[in-house]
Structures are given as structure tokens and as C-alpha cells.
């Protein structure tokens, strides 16, 4: 993927993650799972494990989008650096 594509992808990811509906949905999902973990009986280990996995999925989803956003921001910087005139010198 080239820098221009990364910029577009990062912008798309940022728009999606900043959408109030997406933010609310992710917050509700996470809160719901945390509430279920808190209410889960200690002896029900399998259900606790599944809930922890669900919580992990929500967090991984957020992290993937954050990664795309950061990659897009770095691509903007890379494109700006490419447009600078070359510097002459030893280094």
C-alpha cells in the first residue's frame, strides 16, 4: 500500500472511530461485557473466559482502528518529507 492509500485509509478509520454512533456502540458493548463479568459466578469459569474473550475482541477492534489512524498520520508526514527539496551534505 502506498502513502496516499494509507492516508485515505487512516482518514476513513478516524472518521469511523469518531462517529458518535460507533463510539456509543463500542462503549455499550464494553460496558455490557464488563457488567456480565462482574455478575458472573466465580465457579462459572468457562463463561468468564468467553466474556473476557469478548472484551478482548472489542479492545482489539479499537486498537486496529487506532493503528490505521496512526499509520495514516505517519504517511502524511512521509509524503511531506518527500516533497521537501533534497538536502546536500555528508549526512
Protein backbone atom coordinates (compact mmCIF):
# COMPACT_ATOMS: atom_id res chain seq x y z
CA UNK A 1 0.00 0.00 0.00
CA UNK A 2 1.44 3.40 -0.91
CA UNK A 3 1.46 6.50 1.28
CA UNK A 4 -1.55 8.07 -0.44
CA UNK A 5 -3.62 4.95 0.18
CA UNK A 6 -2.50 4.86 3.81
CA UNK A 7 -3.55 8.49 4.23
CA UNK A 8 -7.01 7.72 2.84
CA UNK A 9 -7.36 4.57 4.93
CA UNK A 10 -6.25 6.42 8.06
CA UNK A 11 -8.75 9.20 7.39
CA UNK A 12 -11.53 6.68 6.87
CA UNK A 13 -10.62 4.91 10.11
CA UNK A 14 -10.58 8.19 12.00
CA UNK A 15 -13.98 9.22 10.65
CA UNK A 16 -15.45 5.85 11.61
CA UNK A 17 -13.97 5.87 15.11
CA UNK A 18 -15.06 9.48 15.70
CA UNK A 19 -18.63 8.74 14.65
CA UNK A 20 -20.83 9.16 17.74
CA UNK A 21 -22.84 6.04 16.89
CA UNK A 22 -19.72 3.88 16.64
CA UNK A 23 -18.32 5.35 19.86
CA UNK A 24 -21.59 4.71 21.67
CA UNK A 25 -21.88 1.16 20.31
CA UNK A 26 -18.34 0.24 21.37
CA UNK A 27 -18.82 1.81 24.81
CA UNK A 28 -22.10 -0.08 25.28
CA UNK A 29 -20.53 -3.35 24.17
CA UNK A 30 -17.61 -2.95 26.54
CA UNK A 31 -19.80 -1.86 29.48
CA UNK A 32 -22.18 -4.74 28.89
CA UNK A 33 -19.41 -7.32 28.88
CA UNK A 34 -17.76 -5.80 31.97
CA UNK A 35 -21.11 -5.87 33.79
CA UNK A 36 -21.58 -9.53 32.84
CA UNK A 37 -18.08 -10.38 34.04
CA UNK A 38 -18.81 -8.70 37.37
CA UNK A 39 -22.11 -10.58 37.72
CA UNK A 40 -20.71 -13.95 36.66
CA UNK A 41 -20.45 -16.53 39.45
CA UNK A 42 -16.81 -17.39 40.21
CA UNK A 43 -17.45 -21.10 39.64
CA UNK A 44 -18.55 -20.50 36.05
CA UNK A 45 -15.03 -20.28 34.62
CA UNK A 46 -15.96 -21.16 31.04
CA UNK A 47 -18.46 -18.29 30.85
CA UNK A 48 -15.90 -15.92 32.42
CA UNK A 49 -13.34 -16.93 29.81
CA UNK A 50 -15.80 -16.32 26.99
CA UNK A 51 -16.70 -12.93 28.38
CA UNK A 52 -13.03 -11.99 28.71
CA UNK A 53 -12.50 -13.02 25.10
CA UNK A 54 -15.45 -10.85 24.05
CA UNK A 55 -13.96 -7.90 25.91
CA UNK A 56 -10.65 -8.56 24.20
CA UNK A 57 -12.32 -8.50 20.78
CA UNK A 58 -13.80 -5.07 21.44
CA UNK A 59 -10.41 -3.77 22.53
CA UNK A 60 -8.62 -5.35 19.56
CA UNK A 61 -11.18 -3.75 17.23
CA UNK A 62 -10.37 -0.33 18.70
CA UNK A 63 -6.64 -0.97 18.51
CA UNK A 64 -6.80 -1.98 14.85
CA UNK A 65 -8.55 1.29 14.01
CA UNK A 66 -6.05 3.29 16.12
CA UNK A 67 -3.25 1.59 14.23
CA UNK A 68 -4.76 2.57 10.86
CA UNK A 69 -5.19 6.14 12.10
CA UNK A 70 -1.57 6.37 13.25
CA UNK A 71 -0.29 4.78 10.05
CA UNK A 72 -2.25 7.39 8.08
CA UNK A 73 -0.73 10.20 10.13
CA UNK A 74 2.76 8.84 9.58
CA UNK A 75 2.05 8.57 5.86
CA UNK A 76 1.09 12.26 5.80
CA UNK A 77 4.49 13.06 7.32
CA UNK A 78 6.26 10.78 4.85
CA UNK A 79 4.55 12.48 1.92
CA UNK A 80 5.51 15.89 3.31
CA UNK A 81 9.13 14.73 3.64
CA UNK A 82 9.13 13.50 0.05
CA UNK A 83 8.02 16.93 -1.17
CA UNK A 84 10.89 18.71 0.61
CA UNK A 85 13.84 19.57 -1.60
CA UNK A 86 16.82 17.26 -1.10
CA UNK A 87 19.50 18.41 1.30
CA UNK A 88 23.08 18.21 0.25
CA UNK A 89 25.74 17.32 2.70
CA UNK A 90 27.55 14.44 4.24
CA UNK A 91 24.50 13.09 6.10
